[in-house]
Amino acid sequence: MKTLKKVCSNIYLVFIFVLLYAPILTLMVLSFNQSKSRARWGGFTTRWYTELFQNEEILLAFRNTMVIAFLSALVATLIGLCACMAMNNMKKRWRSLFMGIANIPMLNAEIVTGISLMLVFLVIGNFLSHFDRELPFGFWTVLIGHITFNIPYTILSIMPKLRQTSRYTYEAALDLGATPFYAFYKTTLPDLMPGILSGFLLAFTMSLDDFVITHFVKGAGFDTLSTKIYTEVKKGIKPEMYALSSLLFLAVLILLLLSNYRPKRRKKAD
């Protein structure tokens, strides 16, 4: 009975992994298909990888995506860290209230957030027009939009780690003559680093694949990978996109393996 139960659980586990990774495996196989047709195998080729690095539009969209994802995650992490420190010093009632407000954007539909940000930028643009200024939709509006929806995710990652730290260590450093910044840097920040890194990576990932909010605030002539792929779908996805997606997946896989290998190696060395 136990053997049958174990076999069934293993089959179920394999089935789950097939559902998760079969589409990705199909994507990687198509990136080496000589034929542009997804239904016919035309032979093995690396042509699409070569053409990928020669396609300026895709490379520009990729660069825009990476720059916005990194900058928005960095700024959102800094703002989230400051917000967590401010809320941690509040009374329990006010802290719960502001945490609930911070969680609303995560529960809210992305299309509502995208339209709201678009309307805000339009109002600001109309206001600046009275002073012969303008707010063109493009890089800066997308960056501000991504920072806005990334902040709640960084708060969600940093706040639990901050609640676990002891404020008495920080106060002891102040009593010994350390400045507030130096005391925070030496006593509190090291304990918060796991939460800060996880919040940064979560914000980076959320910004990397966002489409709905980017679609409403990007304006004409500016594309990220998500909006570029959406545009390509109307005309037919180019095989270069398969190659790019495969490279992104392999990069994430390598980073994941390295991150899991380093702690084991460090533990063995200790």
Protein backbone atom coordinates (compact mmCIF):
# COMPACT_ATOMS: atom_id res chain seq x y z
CA MET A 1 0.00 0.00 0.00
CA LYS A 2 2.79 2.37 0.89
CA THR A 3 4.62 1.48 -2.32
CA LEU A 4 1.52 2.20 -4.41
CA LYS A 5 1.02 5.51 -2.62
CA LYS A 6 4.64 6.47 -3.26
CA VAL A 7 4.39 5.55 -6.95
CA CYS A 8 1.21 7.62 -7.35
CA SER A 9 2.81 10.61 -5.63
CA ASN A 10 5.86 10.36 -7.91
CA ILE A 11 3.65 10.16 -11.00
CA TYR A 12 1.72 13.19 -9.82
CA LEU A 13 4.95 15.10 -9.21
CA VAL A 14 6.26 14.24 -12.69
CA PHE A 15 2.94 15.32 -14.20
CA ILE A 16 3.17 18.71 -12.45
CA PHE A 17 6.71 19.29 -13.71
CA VAL A 18 5.69 18.31 -17.25
CA LEU A 19 2.91 20.89 -17.16
CA LEU A 20 5.34 23.54 -15.91
CA TYR A 21 8.28 22.93 -18.22
CA ALA A 22 6.85 21.36 -21.38
CA PRO A 23 5.94 24.80 -22.85
CA ILE A 24 9.44 26.10 -22.09
CA LEU A 25 11.02 23.01 -23.63
CA THR A 26 8.85 23.47 -26.73
CA LEU A 27 9.98 27.08 -26.95
CA MET A 28 13.64 26.08 -26.78
CA VAL A 29 13.18 23.40 -29.45
CA LEU A 30 11.49 25.89 -31.77
CA SER A 31 14.42 28.28 -31.33
CA PHE A 32 16.57 25.70 -33.17
CA ASN A 33 13.99 24.92 -35.87
CA GLN A 34 15.09 25.79 -39.40
CA SER A 35 11.48 26.32 -40.44
CA LYS A 36 9.44 29.31 -39.30
CA SER A 37 6.42 27.05 -39.00
CA ARG A 38 5.66 25.80 -35.49
CA ALA A 39 4.01 22.65 -36.89
CA ARG A 40 6.88 21.41 -39.07
CA TRP A 41 10.48 20.56 -38.18
CA GLY A 42 12.81 21.90 -40.84
CA GLY A 43 16.12 20.81 -39.36
CA PHE A 44 18.53 22.01 -36.69
CA THR A 45 19.95 25.55 -36.98
CA THR A 46 21.39 28.37 -34.89
CA ARG A 47 20.29 30.95 -37.45
CA TRP A 48 17.73 32.60 -35.17
CA TYR A 49 20.31 33.22 -32.46
CA THR A 50 22.54 34.91 -35.01
CA GLU A 51 19.71 37.06 -36.34
CA LEU A 52 18.67 37.90 -32.77
CA PHE A 53 21.90 39.81 -32.15
CA GLN A 54 21.48 41.58 -35.49
CA ASN A 55 17.90 42.73 -34.84
CA GLU A 56 18.21 46.27 -33.50
CA GLU A 57 14.53 46.58 -32.56
CA ILE A 58 14.58 43.51 -30.32
CA LEU A 59 17.91 44.47 -28.75
CA LEU A 60 16.62 47.99 -28.06
CA ALA A 61 13.47 46.59 -26.42
CA PHE A 62 15.64 44.21 -24.38
CA ARG A 63 17.90 47.04 -23.24
CA ASN A 64 14.89 49.18 -22.28
CA THR A 65 13.44 46.27 -20.32
CA MET A 66 16.63 45.56 -18.38
CA VAL A 67 17.35 49.23 -17.59
CA ILE A 68 13.81 49.92 -16.39
CA ALA A 69 13.66 46.67 -14.40
CA PHE A 70 16.96 47.38 -12.63
CA LEU A 71 16.31 51.07 -11.90
CA SER A 72 12.71 50.55 -10.80
CA ALA A 73 13.67 47.64 -8.54
CA LEU A 74 16.54 49.64 -7.02
CA VAL A 75 14.48 52.78 -6.33
CA ALA A 76 11.47 50.77 -5.14
CA THR A 77 13.70 48.81 -2.73
CA LEU A 78 15.12 52.02 -1.24
CA ILE A 79 11.66 53.56 -0.87
CA GLY A 80 10.28 50.31 0.55
CA LEU A 81 13.12 50.15 3.09
CA CYS A 82 12.42 53.71 4.27
CA ALA A 83 8.68 52.99 4.42
CA CYS A 84 9.24 49.84 6.50
CA MET A 85 11.44 51.70 8.98
CA ALA A 86 8.82 54.44 9.32
CA MET A 87 5.94 51.98 9.81
CA ASN A 88 7.96 49.89 12.25
CA ASN A 89 8.20 52.89 14.58
CA MET A 90 4.42 53.48 14.52
CA LYS A 91 1.89 52.16 16.98
CA LYS A 92 0.31 48.85 16.13
CA ARG A 93 -3.00 50.35 14.96
CA TRP A 94 -1.38 52.84 12.59
CA ARG A 95 1.12 50.26 11.36
CA SER A 96 -1.68 47.84 10.48
CA LEU A 97 -3.56 50.63 8.69
CA PHE A 98 -0.60 51.64 6.52
CA MET A 99 0.33 48.01 5.80
CA GLY A 100 -3.21 47.44 4.58
CA ILE A 101 -2.98 50.51 2.34
CA ALA A 102 0.37 49.31 0.98
CA ASN A 103 -1.13 45.91 0.12
CA ILE A 104 -4.00 47.37 -1.95
CA PRO A 105 -1.95 47.78 -5.19
CA MET A 106 -1.02 44.08 -5.07
CA LEU A 107 -4.66 43.06 -4.77
CA ASN A 108 -5.86 45.61 -7.28
CA ALA A 109 -6.27 44.67 -10.96
CA GLU A 110 -3.30 45.74 -13.08
CA ILE A 111 -5.55 47.31 -15.69
CA VAL A 112 -6.97 49.65 -13.02
CA THR A 113 -3.47 50.63 -11.92
CA GLY A 114 -2.38 51.17 -15.53
CA ILE A 115 -5.33 53.39 -16.41
CA SER A 116 -4.95 55.33 -13.16
CA LEU A 117 -1.28 56.03 -13.82
CA MET A 118 -2.07 57.06 -17.39
CA LEU A 119 -4.68 59.55 -16.13
CA VAL A 120 -2.24 60.93 -13.54
CA PHE A 121 0.40 61.51 -16.21
CA LEU A 122 -2.18 63.19 -18.45
CA VAL A 123 -3.21 65.55 -15.65
CA ILE A 124 0.43 66.38 -14.90
CA GLY A 125 1.05 66.97 -18.61
CA ASN A 126 -1.94 69.32 -18.84
CA PHE A 127 -0.67 71.22 -15.81
CA LEU A 128 2.85 71.54 -17.24
CA SER A 129 1.43 72.76 -20.56
CA HIS A 130 0.44 76.02 -18.85
CA PHE A 131 4.16 76.65 -18.28
CA ASP A 132 5.18 75.61 -21.81
CA ARG A 133 6.41 72.26 -20.53
CA GLU A 134 5.34 68.76 -21.41
CA LEU A 135 5.45 65.25 -20.02
CA PRO A 136 5.98 62.93 -22.98
CA PHE A 137 4.99 59.30 -22.52
CA GLY A 138 8.09 57.17 -22.78
CA PHE A 139 11.02 56.05 -20.64
CA TRP A 140 10.32 58.23 -17.61
CA THR A 141 6.60 57.49 -17.40
CA VAL A 142 7.25 53.75 -17.66
CA LEU A 143 9.99 53.98 -15.01
CA ILE A 144 7.75 55.91 -12.59
CA GLY A 145 4.90 53.47 -13.22
CA HIS A 146 7.10 50.45 -12.50
CA ILE A 147 8.51 52.03 -9.35
CA THR A 148 4.95 52.68 -8.16
CA PHE A 149 3.70 49.11 -8.46
CA ASN A 150 6.99 47.60 -7.22
CA ILE A 151 7.01 49.40 -3.86
CA PRO A 152 4.37 47.14 -2.19
CA TYR A 153 6.35 44.01 -3.12
CA THR A 154 9.53 45.36 -1.53
CA ILE A 155 7.62 46.32 1.62
CA LEU A 156 6.17 42.81 1.77
CA SER A 157 9.70 41.31 1.64
CA ILE A 158 11.52 43.71 3.98
CA MET A 159 8.93 44.22 6.72
CA PRO A 160 9.05 40.67 8.19
CA LYS A 161 12.85 40.80 8.46
CA LEU A 162 12.69 44.21 10.12
CA ARG A 163 10.19 42.90 12.68
CA GLN A 164 12.64 40.10 13.53
CA THR A 165 15.53 42.47 14.30
CA SER A 166 16.16 43.78 17.80
CA ARG A 167 16.13 47.54 18.24
CA TYR A 168 18.23 47.25 21.40
CA THR A 169 21.36 46.49 19.38
CA TYR A 170 20.84 49.69 17.40
CA GLU A 171 20.24 51.70 20.58
CA ALA A 172 23.33 50.20 22.19
CA ALA A 173 25.42 51.31 19.21
CA LEU A 174 24.05 54.84 19.63
CA ASP A 175 24.91 54.79 23.34
CA LEU A 176 28.48 53.81 22.46
CA GLY A 177 28.86 56.94 20.31
CA ALA A 178 27.97 55.72 16.81
CA THR A 179 26.10 58.04 14.48
CA PRO A 180 22.56 56.95 13.50
CA PHE A 181 23.64 56.07 9.96
CA TYR A 182 26.72 54.12 11.10
CA ALA A 183 24.73 52.28 13.75
CA PHE A 184 22.07 51.32 11.20
CA TYR A 185 24.72 50.25 8.69
CA LYS A 186 26.55 48.04 11.19
CA THR A 187 23.72 46.57 13.29
CA THR A 188 20.41 46.61 11.39
CA LEU A 189 21.31 46.49 7.70
CA PRO A 190 23.11 43.09 7.80
CA ASP A 191 19.99 41.48 9.31
CA LEU A 192 17.80 43.09 6.65
CA MET A 193 19.92 42.09 3.65
CA PRO A 194 18.07 38.80 2.92
CA GLY A 195 14.75 40.69 2.85
CA ILE A 196 16.23 43.53 0.82
CA LEU A 197 17.71 41.16 -1.78
CA SER A 198 14.52 39.12 -2.05
CA GLY A 199 12.48 42.32 -2.40
CA PHE A 200 14.85 43.62 -5.08
CA LEU A 201 14.71 40.36 -7.06
CA LEU A 202 10.92 40.19 -6.73
CA ALA A 203 10.55 43.77 -7.94
CA PHE A 204 13.02 43.12 -10.77
CA THR A 205 11.02 40.09 -11.88
CA MET A 206 7.67 41.89 -11.67
CA SER A 207 9.03 44.75 -13.75
CA LEU A 208 10.70 42.43 -16.25
CA ASP A 209 7.51 40.76 -17.46
CA ASP A 210 4.94 43.51 -16.86
CA PHE A 211 2.77 44.31 -19.86
CA VAL A 212 -0.55 45.86 -18.79
CA ILE A 213 0.81 48.89 -16.93
CA THR A 214 3.60 49.40 -19.46
CA HIS A 215 1.09 49.33 -22.31
CA PHE A 216 -0.86 52.26 -20.83
CA VAL A 217 2.09 54.50 -19.91
CA LYS A 218 4.74 53.81 -22.57
CA GLY A 219 3.58 56.07 -25.40
CA ALA A 220 4.47 55.69 -29.08
CA GLY A 221 8.00 54.79 -30.17
CA PHE A 222 9.03 53.15 -26.89
CA ASP A 223 8.88 49.39 -26.34
CA THR A 224 9.86 46.82 -23.77
CA LEU A 225 10.06 43.10 -24.47
CA SER A 226 6.46 42.51 -23.34
CA THR A 227 5.00 45.23 -25.56
CA LYS A 228 7.31 44.26 -28.42
CA ILE A 229 6.12 40.64 -28.27
CA TYR A 230 2.50 41.84 -28.15
CA THR A 231 3.11 43.86 -31.30
CA GLU A 232 4.79 40.91 -33.00
CA VAL A 233 1.84 38.62 -32.23
CA LYS A 234 -0.37 40.64 -34.58
CA LYS A 235 2.08 40.10 -37.44
CA GLY A 236 3.34 36.68 -36.36
CA ILE A 237 6.02 36.05 -33.76
CA LYS A 238 9.53 35.98 -35.19
CA PRO A 239 11.71 32.97 -34.30
CA GLU A 240 14.23 35.41 -32.84
CA MET A 241 11.81 35.81 -29.93
CA TYR A 242 12.09 32.08 -29.24
CA ALA A 243 15.86 32.43 -29.09
CA LEU A 244 15.69 35.44 -26.77
CA SER A 245 13.24 33.70 -24.42
CA SER A 246 15.46 30.62 -24.32
CA LEU A 247 18.50 32.71 -23.39
CA LEU A 248 16.55 34.46 -20.63
CA PHE A 249 15.41 31.14 -19.22
CA LEU A 250 18.94 29.73 -19.26
CA ALA A 251 20.27 32.87 -17.52
CA VAL A 252 17.68 32.55 -14.75
CA LEU A 253 18.40 28.82 -14.42
CA ILE A 254 22.15 29.42 -14.09
CA LEU A 255 21.62 32.13 -11.46
CA LEU A 256 19.30 29.82 -9.53
CA LEU A 257 21.83 26.97 -9.58
CA LEU A 258 24.64 29.27 -8.46
CA SER A 259 22.57 30.74 -5.64
CA ASN A 260 21.78 27.25 -4.37
CA TYR A 261 25.35 26.01 -4.81
CA ARG A 262 27.07 28.83 -2.91
CA PRO A 263 25.37 28.25 0.48
CA LYS A 264 26.18 24.51 0.33
CA ARG A 265 29.79 25.27 -0.54
CA ARG A 266 30.06 27.83 2.26
CA LYS A 267 28.48 25.42 4.76
CA LYS A 268 30.94 22.69 3.74
CA ALA A 269 33.85 25.11 4.16
CA ASP A 270 32.65 26.11 7.65
